[in-house]
Amino acid sequence: MPVTFIDYIHAYYTAIVSLPEPPFVTGKFVQIRNRDRLFLVFSPKDFMKYHAEIVERFCLDRGMKGSYDPKRKRFVILDEAWTVQGGGKFEINRDEKTIRLYDDSMAYGKFDSAGLEKTIGTFPAFFGYRVLTE
């Protein structure tokens, strides 16, 4: 299945806070699927605190409609062709060339780790990185 990496880390540091990306970044990520394509969407914790905010931003950037549930815990994509498969947290250590994916999303559940170790290593930003999933 084709996978697209969406990186809000770079956008946050270059366009919002105008700082160089630090060698160690932590944040959250979600897996969003549209039929036969998977999107991995990463955001630093200082940019988007909740998984639902990441999904909302993803939709806004693509002109897709969605809404928050009554408790504002989940942002629901209104197009049934799209689903949020799960989420978790990440740590990227550029000095050690490692990415750690762990935990889960209280709103969307645990991410699917199947194939992530191999897939993430194919993204140009992460060539040569060791990917650890928990």
C-alpha atoms as a PDB file:
ATOM      1  CA  MET A   1       0.000   0.000   0.000  1.00  0.00           C
ATOM      2  CA  PRO A   2       1.397   3.445  -0.874  1.00  0.00           C
ATOM      3  CA  VAL A   3       2.240   5.618   2.129  1.00  0.00           C
ATOM      4  CA  THR A   4       2.518   9.413   2.192  1.00  0.00           C
ATOM      5  CA  PHE A   5       4.422  11.167   4.962  1.00  0.00           C
ATOM      6  CA  ILE A   6       3.000  14.527   6.077  1.00  0.00           C
ATOM      7  CA  ASP A   7       5.542  16.483   8.125  1.00  0.00           C
ATOM      8  CA  TYR A   8       4.229  19.346  10.262  1.00  0.00           C
ATOM      9  CA  ILE A   9       7.528  19.292  12.169  1.00  0.00           C
ATOM     10  CA  HIS A  10       9.394  21.154   9.450  1.00  0.00           C
ATOM     11  CA  ALA A  11       6.514  23.610   8.910  1.00  0.00           C
ATOM     12  CA  TYR A  12       6.306  24.375  12.625  1.00  0.00           C
ATOM     13  CA  TYR A  13       9.982  25.149  13.074  1.00  0.00           C
ATOM     14  CA  THR A  14      10.563  27.034   9.817  1.00  0.00           C
ATOM     15  CA  ALA A  15       7.298  28.932   9.323  1.00  0.00           C
ATOM     16  CA  ILE A  16       5.777  29.337  12.784  1.00  0.00           C
ATOM     17  CA  VAL A  17       8.588  29.701  15.337  1.00  0.00           C
ATOM     18  CA  SER A  18      11.421  30.504  12.888  1.00  0.00           C
ATOM     19  CA  LEU A  19      13.921  28.248  14.600  1.00  0.00           C
ATOM     20  CA  PRO A  20      16.145  25.493  13.274  1.00  0.00           C
ATOM     21  CA  GLU A  21      14.776  22.021  13.850  1.00  0.00           C
ATOM     22  CA  PRO A  22      16.328  20.629  17.030  1.00  0.00           C
ATOM     23  CA  PRO A  23      18.160  17.303  16.871  1.00  0.00           C
ATOM     24  CA  PHE A  24      15.589  15.743  19.237  1.00  0.00           C
ATOM     25  CA  VAL A  25      11.875  16.228  18.496  1.00  0.00           C
ATOM     26  CA  THR A  26       8.868  14.719  20.242  1.00  0.00           C
ATOM     27  CA  GLY A  27       5.253  14.817  19.223  1.00  0.00           C
ATOM     28  CA  LYS A  28       2.217  12.901  18.098  1.00  0.00           C
ATOM     29  CA  PHE A  29       1.182  11.212  14.892  1.00  0.00           C
ATOM     30  CA  VAL A  30      -1.909   9.732  13.278  1.00  0.00           C
ATOM     31  CA  GLN A  31      -2.499   7.198  10.537  1.00  0.00           C
ATOM     32  CA  ILE A  32      -5.204   8.277   8.089  1.00  0.00           C
ATOM     33  CA  ARG A  33      -6.352   5.990   5.302  1.00  0.00           C
ATOM     34  CA  ASN A  34      -8.107   6.740   2.024  1.00  0.00           C
ATOM     35  CA  ARG A  35      -8.980   3.479   0.309  1.00  0.00           C
ATOM     36  CA  ASP A  36      -5.582   2.116  -0.754  1.00  0.00           C
ATOM     37  CA  ARG A  37      -3.319   4.967   0.467  1.00  0.00           C
ATOM     38  CA  LEU A  38      -2.079   5.523   4.004  1.00  0.00           C
ATOM     39  CA  PHE A  39      -1.002   8.926   5.333  1.00  0.00           C
ATOM     40  CA  LEU A  40       1.354   9.202   8.319  1.00  0.00           C
ATOM     41  CA  VAL A  41       0.927  12.670   9.772  1.00  0.00           C
ATOM     42  CA  PHE A  42       3.539  13.890  12.291  1.00  0.00           C
ATOM     43  CA  SER A  43       3.322  17.039  14.423  1.00  0.00           C
ATOM     44  CA  PRO A  44       5.603  18.306  17.189  1.00  0.00           C
ATOM     45  CA  LYS A  45       3.950  18.464  20.605  1.00  0.00           C
ATOM     46  CA  ASP A  46       4.357  22.241  20.769  1.00  0.00           C
ATOM     47  CA  PHE A  47       2.333  22.702  17.567  1.00  0.00           C
ATOM     48  CA  MET A  48      -0.637  20.387  18.059  1.00  0.00           C
ATOM     49  CA  LYS A  49      -1.263  18.978  21.500  1.00  0.00           C
ATOM     50  CA  TYR A  50      -4.017  16.506  20.580  1.00  0.00           C
ATOM     51  CA  HIS A  51      -4.399  13.874  17.876  1.00  0.00           C
ATOM     52  CA  ALA A  52      -7.746  15.421  16.899  1.00  0.00           C
ATOM     53  CA  GLU A  53      -5.984  18.695  16.085  1.00  0.00           C
ATOM     54  CA  ILE A  54      -3.647  16.850  13.725  1.00  0.00           C
ATOM     55  CA  VAL A  55      -6.603  15.294  11.911  1.00  0.00           C
ATOM     56  CA  GLU A  56      -8.347  18.673  11.733  1.00  0.00           C
ATOM     57  CA  ARG A  57      -5.249  20.348  10.258  1.00  0.00           C
ATOM     58  CA  PHE A  58      -4.820  17.521   7.736  1.00  0.00           C
ATOM     59  CA  CYS A  59      -8.426  18.064   6.592  1.00  0.00           C
ATOM     60  CA  LEU A  60      -8.128  21.848   6.452  1.00  0.00           C
ATOM     61  CA  ASP A  61      -4.989  21.603   4.330  1.00  0.00           C
ATOM     62  CA  ARG A  62      -6.841  19.384   1.838  1.00  0.00           C
ATOM     63  CA  GLY A  63     -10.193  21.192   1.810  1.00  0.00           C
ATOM     64  CA  MET A  64     -11.922  18.208   3.404  1.00  0.00           C
ATOM     65  CA  LYS A  65     -14.937  18.584   5.663  1.00  0.00           C
ATOM     66  CA  GLY A  66     -15.028  17.297   9.197  1.00  0.00           C
ATOM     67  CA  SER A  67     -16.299  18.172  12.647  1.00  0.00           C
ATOM     68  CA  TYR A  68     -15.566  17.576  16.288  1.00  0.00           C
ATOM     69  CA  ASP A  69     -17.652  15.155  18.282  1.00  0.00           C
ATOM     70  CA  PRO A  70     -19.800  16.727  21.051  1.00  0.00           C
ATOM     71  CA  LYS A  71     -17.017  16.363  23.654  1.00  0.00           C
ATOM     72  CA  ARG A  72     -14.357  17.743  21.246  1.00  0.00           C
ATOM     73  CA  LYS A  73     -12.229  14.612  21.742  1.00  0.00           C
ATOM     74  CA  ARG A  74     -12.247  13.467  18.090  1.00  0.00           C
ATOM     75  CA  PHE A  75     -12.255  15.277  14.793  1.00  0.00           C
ATOM     76  CA  VAL A  76     -14.339  13.170  12.437  1.00  0.00           C
ATOM     77  CA  ILE A  77     -13.723  13.258   8.685  1.00  0.00           C
ATOM     78  CA  LEU A  78     -17.132  13.508   7.017  1.00  0.00           C
ATOM     79  CA  ASP A  79     -16.100  11.749   3.793  1.00  0.00           C
ATOM     80  CA  GLU A  80     -16.626   8.027   4.437  1.00  0.00           C
ATOM     81  CA  ALA A  81     -13.752   7.154   2.101  1.00  0.00           C
ATOM     82  CA  TRP A  82     -11.381   8.440   4.800  1.00  0.00           C
ATOM     83  CA  THR A  83     -10.709   6.824   8.185  1.00  0.00           C
ATOM     84  CA  VAL A  84      -8.363   7.562  11.039  1.00  0.00           C
ATOM     85  CA  GLN A  85      -6.758   4.211  11.828  1.00  0.00           C
ATOM     86  CA  GLY A  86      -5.024   5.197  15.038  1.00  0.00           C
ATOM     87  CA  GLY A  87      -2.271   7.277  16.470  1.00  0.00           C
ATOM     88  CA  GLY A  88       0.577   7.457  18.913  1.00  0.00           C
ATOM     89  CA  LYS A  89       3.589   9.440  19.990  1.00  0.00           C
ATOM     90  CA  PHE A  90       7.014   9.760  18.436  1.00  0.00           C
ATOM     91  CA  GLU A  91      10.570  10.687  19.331  1.00  0.00           C
ATOM     92  CA  ILE A  92      13.021  11.573  16.574  1.00  0.00           C
ATOM     93  CA  ASN A  93      16.691  11.674  17.484  1.00  0.00           C
ATOM     94  CA  ARG A  94      18.599  13.045  14.510  1.00  0.00           C
ATOM     95  CA  ASP A  95      21.993  12.599  16.191  1.00  0.00           C
ATOM     96  CA  GLU A  96      21.402   8.876  16.754  1.00  0.00           C
ATOM     97  CA  LYS A  97      19.274   8.506  13.604  1.00  0.00           C
ATOM     98  CA  THR A  98      16.405   6.840  15.432  1.00  0.00           C
ATOM     99  CA  ILE A  99      12.632   7.204  15.419  1.00  0.00           C
ATOM    100  CA  ARG A 100      10.630   5.728  18.257  1.00  0.00           C
ATOM    101  CA  LEU A 101       6.861   5.201  17.778  1.00  0.00           C
ATOM    102  CA  TYR A 102       4.921   4.279  20.899  1.00  0.00           C
ATOM    103  CA  ASP A 103       1.771   4.693  22.985  1.00  0.00           C
ATOM    104  CA  ASP A 104      -1.648   5.272  21.459  1.00  0.00           C
ATOM    105  CA  SER A 105      -4.279   7.925  20.886  1.00  0.00           C
ATOM    106  CA  MET A 106      -7.061   8.297  23.423  1.00  0.00           C
ATOM    107  CA  ALA A 107      -9.286   9.564  20.601  1.00  0.00           C
ATOM    108  CA  TYR A 108      -8.414   7.112  17.810  1.00  0.00           C
ATOM    109  CA  GLY A 109      -6.768   4.116  19.462  1.00  0.00           C
ATOM    110  CA  LYS A 110      -3.446   2.377  18.888  1.00  0.00           C
ATOM    111  CA  PHE A 111      -1.578   2.836  15.634  1.00  0.00           C
ATOM    112  CA  ASP A 112      -1.008  -0.131  13.344  1.00  0.00           C
ATOM    113  CA  SER A 113       2.711  -0.887  13.481  1.00  0.00           C
ATOM    114  CA  ALA A 114       2.665  -3.488  10.683  1.00  0.00           C
ATOM    115  CA  GLY A 115       5.251  -2.483   8.107  1.00  0.00           C
ATOM    116  CA  LEU A 116       6.035   0.912   9.651  1.00  0.00           C
ATOM    117  CA  GLU A 117       9.657   0.108  10.443  1.00  0.00           C
ATOM    118  CA  LYS A 118      10.362  -0.645   6.797  1.00  0.00           C
ATOM    119  CA  THR A 119       8.119   2.083   5.336  1.00  0.00           C
ATOM    120  CA  ILE A 120       9.436   5.009   7.375  1.00  0.00           C
ATOM    121  CA  GLY A 121      12.982   4.176   6.358  1.00  0.00           C
ATOM    122  CA  THR A 122      12.014   4.788   2.715  1.00  0.00           C
ATOM    123  CA  PHE A 123      11.043   8.430   3.310  1.00  0.00           C
ATOM    124  CA  PRO A 124      13.863  10.756   2.174  1.00  0.00           C
ATOM    125  CA  ALA A 125      13.874  12.532   5.547  1.00  0.00           C
ATOM    126  CA  PHE A 126      14.592   9.235   7.311  1.00  0.00           C
ATOM    127  CA  PHE A 127      16.984   7.312   5.065  1.00  0.00           C
ATOM    128  CA  GLY A 128      19.334   5.338   7.288  1.00  0.00           C
ATOM    129  CA  TYR A 129      17.226   5.766  10.436  1.00  0.00           C
ATOM    130  CA  ARG A 130      16.460   2.923  12.801  1.00  0.00           C
ATOM    131  CA  VAL A 131      12.709   2.778  13.510  1.00  0.00           C
ATOM    132  CA  LEU A 132      11.531   1.365  16.824  1.00  0.00           C
ATOM    133  CA  THR A 133       7.858   0.547  17.419  1.00  0.00           C
ATOM    134  CA  GLU A 134       6.351  -0.326  20.755  1.00  0.00           C
END
